[in-house]
Amino acid sequence: MSKTKVNKSKRWAEYASKLKQWETRLIELRNMGDGYNEIRDELQQEFPRQKNRFRNNEQLRVLLYQKGRLNEAYIIYSEMVAEESLEQGQLILKNLNKRAVMTIGNLLSKTAPDPTRLGAAKEVLDRNLGKPKENIDITDKAELELLKTKLKKLYGSD
């Protein structure tokens, strides 16, 4: 677990311990992308004793945004969840690497059509050796001078 993830998780735990249950749920629901109407309805169902707090969508929005009381907790929670999602996505992709390599290997088999085999072979070579460099043939002197001028501006020498 990365150090920043631990810090965000720790900060979120500190905030969450000070929040009321409905406030934590508000942050979770909003972070999942629910609209304020849906959030209001959900909170009214989950916390019927607090029903009066959730009559106005604007009250909920103000808590989370700008100088709202829950703004900092909302940001920390959102960053923590985003980081966890990114790590999960990277792990999923890492686990798919073996399958991708095997798929390309299978495409190289003699049973695959020639264009498919050629494409797979190019993909393997490009990824292992790098794509071939392109040569630029400039025969027009004006075009060559323009290119030299641009290079001088970029790199400051001949």
C-alpha atoms as a PDB file:
ATOM      1  CA  MET A   1       0.000   0.000   0.000  1.00  0.00           C
ATOM      2  CA  SER A   2       1.430   3.361  -0.998  1.00  0.00           C
ATOM      3  CA  LYS A   3       2.287   5.980   1.601  1.00  0.00           C
ATOM      4  CA  THR A   4      -0.145   8.529   0.151  1.00  0.00           C
ATOM      5  CA  LYS A   5      -2.913   5.933   0.196  1.00  0.00           C
ATOM      6  CA  VAL A   6      -2.225   5.214   3.864  1.00  0.00           C
ATOM      7  CA  ASN A   7      -2.273   8.947   4.616  1.00  0.00           C
ATOM      8  CA  LYS A   8      -5.577   9.458   2.761  1.00  0.00           C
ATOM      9  CA  SER A   9      -7.124   6.396   4.394  1.00  0.00           C
ATOM     10  CA  LYS A  10      -5.950   7.595   7.792  1.00  0.00           C
ATOM     11  CA  ARG A  11      -7.251  11.129   7.195  1.00  0.00           C
ATOM     12  CA  TRP A  12     -10.579   9.771   5.984  1.00  0.00           C
ATOM     13  CA  ALA A  13     -10.846   7.532   9.062  1.00  0.00           C
ATOM     14  CA  GLU A  14     -10.212  10.569  11.268  1.00  0.00           C
ATOM     15  CA  TYR A  15     -12.925  12.573   9.503  1.00  0.00           C
ATOM     16  CA  ALA A  16     -15.383   9.682   9.364  1.00  0.00           C
ATOM     17  CA  SER A  17     -15.068   9.122  13.120  1.00  0.00           C
ATOM     18  CA  LYS A  18     -16.320  12.696  13.689  1.00  0.00           C
ATOM     19  CA  LEU A  19     -19.158  12.542  11.174  1.00  0.00           C
ATOM     20  CA  LYS A  20     -22.707  11.475  11.739  1.00  0.00           C
ATOM     21  CA  GLN A  21     -23.790   8.351   9.851  1.00  0.00           C
ATOM     22  CA  TRP A  22     -25.971  10.301   7.454  1.00  0.00           C
ATOM     23  CA  GLU A  23     -23.073  12.669   6.641  1.00  0.00           C
ATOM     24  CA  THR A  24     -20.793   9.766   5.783  1.00  0.00           C
ATOM     25  CA  ARG A  25     -23.543   8.253   3.645  1.00  0.00           C
ATOM     26  CA  LEU A  26     -24.077  11.588   1.882  1.00  0.00           C
ATOM     27  CA  ILE A  27     -20.391  11.706   0.960  1.00  0.00           C
ATOM     28  CA  GLU A  28     -20.426   8.083  -0.253  1.00  0.00           C
ATOM     29  CA  LEU A  29     -23.542   8.534  -2.383  1.00  0.00           C
ATOM     30  CA  ARG A  30     -22.336  11.762  -3.966  1.00  0.00           C
ATOM     31  CA  ASN A  31     -18.956  10.216  -4.724  1.00  0.00           C
ATOM     32  CA  MET A  32     -20.726   7.357  -6.537  1.00  0.00           C
ATOM     33  CA  GLY A  33     -22.250   9.996  -8.815  1.00  0.00           C
ATOM     34  CA  ASP A  34     -25.800   9.987  -7.484  1.00  0.00           C
ATOM     35  CA  GLY A  35     -27.750  13.188  -8.086  1.00  0.00           C
ATOM     36  CA  TYR A  36     -29.100  15.218  -5.179  1.00  0.00           C
ATOM     37  CA  ASN A  37     -32.676  14.020  -5.725  1.00  0.00           C
ATOM     38  CA  GLU A  38     -31.548  10.400  -5.456  1.00  0.00           C
ATOM     39  CA  ILE A  39     -29.340  11.195  -2.468  1.00  0.00           C
ATOM     40  CA  ARG A  40     -32.193  12.960  -0.695  1.00  0.00           C
ATOM     41  CA  ASP A  41     -34.559  10.030  -1.269  1.00  0.00           C
ATOM     42  CA  GLU A  42     -31.946   7.496  -0.142  1.00  0.00           C
ATOM     43  CA  LEU A  43     -31.103   9.449   3.012  1.00  0.00           C
ATOM     44  CA  GLN A  44     -34.793   9.860   3.867  1.00  0.00           C
ATOM     45  CA  GLN A  45     -35.238   6.088   3.642  1.00  0.00           C
ATOM     46  CA  GLU A  46     -32.069   5.195   5.550  1.00  0.00           C
ATOM     47  CA  PHE A  47     -32.415   7.872   8.239  1.00  0.00           C
ATOM     48  CA  PRO A  48     -36.145   8.534   8.789  1.00  0.00           C
ATOM     49  CA  ARG A  49     -35.521  10.440  12.041  1.00  0.00           C
ATOM     50  CA  GLN A  50     -33.425  12.968  10.130  1.00  0.00           C
ATOM     51  CA  LYS A  51     -36.044  13.389   7.383  1.00  0.00           C
ATOM     52  CA  ASN A  52     -36.365  17.146   7.909  1.00  0.00           C
ATOM     53  CA  ARG A  53     -32.660  17.633   7.154  1.00  0.00           C
ATOM     54  CA  PHE A  54     -33.103  16.251   3.648  1.00  0.00           C
ATOM     55  CA  ARG A  55     -36.054  18.243   2.355  1.00  0.00           C
ATOM     56  CA  ASN A  56     -33.997  20.642   0.280  1.00  0.00           C
ATOM     57  CA  ASN A  57     -31.411  19.434  -2.252  1.00  0.00           C
ATOM     58  CA  GLU A  58     -29.586  22.745  -1.953  1.00  0.00           C
ATOM     59  CA  GLN A  59     -28.869  22.062   1.740  1.00  0.00           C
ATOM     60  CA  LEU A  60     -27.133  18.831   0.791  1.00  0.00           C
ATOM     61  CA  ARG A  61     -25.156  20.450  -2.018  1.00  0.00           C
ATOM     62  CA  VAL A  62     -23.957  23.299   0.187  1.00  0.00           C
ATOM     63  CA  LEU A  63     -22.595  20.838   2.749  1.00  0.00           C
ATOM     64  CA  LEU A  64     -20.256  19.274   0.181  1.00  0.00           C
ATOM     65  CA  TYR A  65     -19.124  22.170  -1.947  1.00  0.00           C
ATOM     66  CA  GLN A  66     -17.092  25.339  -1.636  1.00  0.00           C
ATOM     67  CA  LYS A  67     -16.944  26.287   2.032  1.00  0.00           C
ATOM     68  CA  GLY A  68     -19.365  23.599   3.138  1.00  0.00           C
ATOM     69  CA  ARG A  69     -18.815  21.831   6.418  1.00  0.00           C
ATOM     70  CA  LEU A  70     -18.231  18.472   4.692  1.00  0.00           C
ATOM     71  CA  ASN A  71     -16.171  19.767   1.770  1.00  0.00           C
ATOM     72  CA  GLU A  72     -12.744  18.684   3.016  1.00  0.00           C
ATOM     73  CA  ALA A  73     -13.991  15.247   4.083  1.00  0.00           C
ATOM     74  CA  TYR A  74     -15.668  14.845   0.673  1.00  0.00           C
ATOM     75  CA  ILE A  75     -12.440  15.716  -1.155  1.00  0.00           C
ATOM     76  CA  ILE A  76     -10.341  13.335   0.955  1.00  0.00           C
ATOM     77  CA  TYR A  77     -12.852  10.521   0.487  1.00  0.00           C
ATOM     78  CA  SER A  78     -13.041  11.138  -3.283  1.00  0.00           C
ATOM     79  CA  GLU A  79      -9.251  11.128  -3.644  1.00  0.00           C
ATOM     80  CA  MET A  80      -8.945   7.948  -1.571  1.00  0.00           C
ATOM     81  CA  VAL A  81     -11.596   6.135  -3.634  1.00  0.00           C
ATOM     82  CA  ALA A  82     -10.064   7.357  -6.914  1.00  0.00           C
ATOM     83  CA  GLU A  83      -6.637   6.084  -5.867  1.00  0.00           C
ATOM     84  CA  GLU A  84      -8.072   2.699  -4.868  1.00  0.00           C
ATOM     85  CA  SER A  85      -9.917   2.458  -8.203  1.00  0.00           C
ATOM     86  CA  LEU A  86      -6.748   3.274 -10.122  1.00  0.00           C
ATOM     87  CA  GLU A  87      -4.790   0.605  -8.240  1.00  0.00           C
ATOM     88  CA  GLN A  88      -7.529  -1.963  -8.896  1.00  0.00           C
ATOM     89  CA  GLY A  89      -7.582  -1.073 -12.586  1.00  0.00           C
ATOM     90  CA  GLN A  90      -3.802  -1.408 -12.842  1.00  0.00           C
ATOM     91  CA  LEU A  91      -3.956  -4.805 -11.146  1.00  0.00           C
ATOM     92  CA  ILE A  92      -6.677  -6.001 -13.528  1.00  0.00           C
ATOM     93  CA  LEU A  93      -4.619  -4.862 -16.535  1.00  0.00           C
ATOM     94  CA  LYS A  94      -1.498  -6.509 -15.135  1.00  0.00           C
ATOM     95  CA  ASN A  95      -3.383  -9.782 -14.787  1.00  0.00           C
ATOM     96  CA  LEU A  96      -4.569  -9.504 -18.407  1.00  0.00           C
ATOM     97  CA  ASN A  97      -1.001  -9.168 -19.754  1.00  0.00           C
ATOM     98  CA  LYS A  98      -0.421 -12.925 -19.806  1.00  0.00           C
ATOM     99  CA  ARG A  99      -3.677 -13.525 -21.679  1.00  0.00           C
ATOM    100  CA  ALA A 100      -2.810 -10.794 -24.197  1.00  0.00           C
ATOM    101  CA  VAL A 101       0.619 -12.297 -24.855  1.00  0.00           C
ATOM    102  CA  MET A 102      -0.917 -15.747 -25.298  1.00  0.00           C
ATOM    103  CA  THR A 103      -3.523 -14.325 -27.686  1.00  0.00           C
ATOM    104  CA  ILE A 104      -0.857 -12.689 -29.849  1.00  0.00           C
ATOM    105  CA  GLY A 105       1.142 -15.928 -29.708  1.00  0.00           C
ATOM    106  CA  ASN A 106      -1.913 -17.858 -30.926  1.00  0.00           C
ATOM    107  CA  LEU A 107      -2.403 -15.358 -33.745  1.00  0.00           C
ATOM    108  CA  LEU A 108       1.125 -16.149 -34.927  1.00  0.00           C
ATOM    109  CA  SER A 109       0.161 -19.798 -35.474  1.00  0.00           C
ATOM    110  CA  LYS A 110       0.021 -21.196 -38.971  1.00  0.00           C
ATOM    111  CA  THR A 111      -3.750 -21.647 -38.727  1.00  0.00           C
ATOM    112  CA  ALA A 112      -4.387 -17.901 -38.579  1.00  0.00           C
ATOM    113  CA  PRO A 113      -4.797 -15.986 -41.873  1.00  0.00           C
ATOM    114  CA  ASP A 114      -1.647 -14.321 -43.236  1.00  0.00           C
ATOM    115  CA  PRO A 115      -2.793 -10.707 -42.562  1.00  0.00           C
ATOM    116  CA  THR A 116      -3.580 -11.624 -38.936  1.00  0.00           C
ATOM    117  CA  ARG A 117      -0.223 -13.335 -38.474  1.00  0.00           C
ATOM    118  CA  LEU A 118       1.569 -10.360 -40.033  1.00  0.00           C
ATOM    119  CA  GLY A 119      -0.254  -7.912 -37.734  1.00  0.00           C
ATOM    120  CA  ALA A 120       0.564 -10.007 -34.663  1.00  0.00           C
ATOM    121  CA  ALA A 121       4.214 -10.300 -35.683  1.00  0.00           C
ATOM    122  CA  LYS A 122       4.467  -6.518 -36.204  1.00  0.00           C
ATOM    123  CA  GLU A 123       2.877  -5.938 -32.794  1.00  0.00           C
ATOM    124  CA  VAL A 124       5.402  -8.224 -31.080  1.00  0.00           C
ATOM    125  CA  LEU A 125       8.346  -6.613 -32.868  1.00  0.00           C
ATOM    126  CA  ASP A 126       7.120  -3.047 -32.252  1.00  0.00           C
ATOM    127  CA  ARG A 127       6.640  -3.698 -28.553  1.00  0.00           C
ATOM    128  CA  ASN A 128       9.949  -5.483 -28.081  1.00  0.00           C
ATOM    129  CA  LEU A 129      12.263  -3.642 -30.445  1.00  0.00           C
ATOM    130  CA  GLY A 130      10.378  -0.386 -30.865  1.00  0.00           C
ATOM    131  CA  LYS A 131       8.736   0.941 -33.984  1.00  0.00           C
ATOM    132  CA  PRO A 132      11.081   1.612 -36.882  1.00  0.00           C
ATOM    133  CA  LYS A 133      12.182   5.208 -37.195  1.00  0.00           C
ATOM    134  CA  GLU A 134      10.864   7.183 -40.140  1.00  0.00           C
ATOM    135  CA  ASN A 135      13.326   8.855 -42.484  1.00  0.00           C
ATOM    136  CA  ILE A 136      12.396  12.287 -43.766  1.00  0.00           C
ATOM    137  CA  ASP A 137      13.546  13.149 -47.262  1.00  0.00           C
ATOM    138  CA  ILE A 138      13.669  16.890 -47.839  1.00  0.00           C
ATOM    139  CA  THR A 139      14.656  17.918 -51.343  1.00  0.00           C
ATOM    140  CA  ASP A 140      13.239  21.426 -51.293  1.00  0.00           C
ATOM    141  CA  LYS A 141      15.921  23.852 -49.983  1.00  0.00           C
ATOM    142  CA  ALA A 142      13.331  26.337 -48.704  1.00  0.00           C
ATOM    143  CA  GLU A 143      11.677  23.573 -46.703  1.00  0.00           C
ATOM    144  CA  LEU A 144      15.082  22.511 -45.335  1.00  0.00           C
ATOM    145  CA  GLU A 145      15.917  26.075 -44.259  1.00  0.00           C
ATOM    146  CA  LEU A 146      12.543  26.418 -42.547  1.00  0.00           C
ATOM    147  CA  LEU A 147      13.161  23.177 -40.658  1.00  0.00           C
ATOM    148  CA  LYS A 148      16.645  24.370 -39.599  1.00  0.00           C
ATOM    149  CA  THR A 149      15.175  27.652 -38.328  1.00  0.00           C
ATOM    150  CA  LYS A 150      12.570  25.799 -36.279  1.00  0.00           C
ATOM    151  CA  LEU A 151      15.236  23.501 -34.829  1.00  0.00           C
ATOM    152  CA  LYS A 152      17.434  26.475 -33.892  1.00  0.00           C
ATOM    153  CA  LYS A 153      14.513  28.054 -32.056  1.00  0.00           C
ATOM    154  CA  LEU A 154      13.822  24.791 -30.225  1.00  0.00           C
ATOM    155  CA  TYR A 155      17.393  23.835 -29.364  1.00  0.00           C
ATOM    156  CA  GLY A 156      19.297  27.120 -29.684  1.00  0.00           C
ATOM    157  CA  SER A 157      22.201  25.846 -31.835  1.00  0.00           C
ATOM    158  CA  ASP A 158      23.101  24.630 -35.338  1.00  0.00           C
END
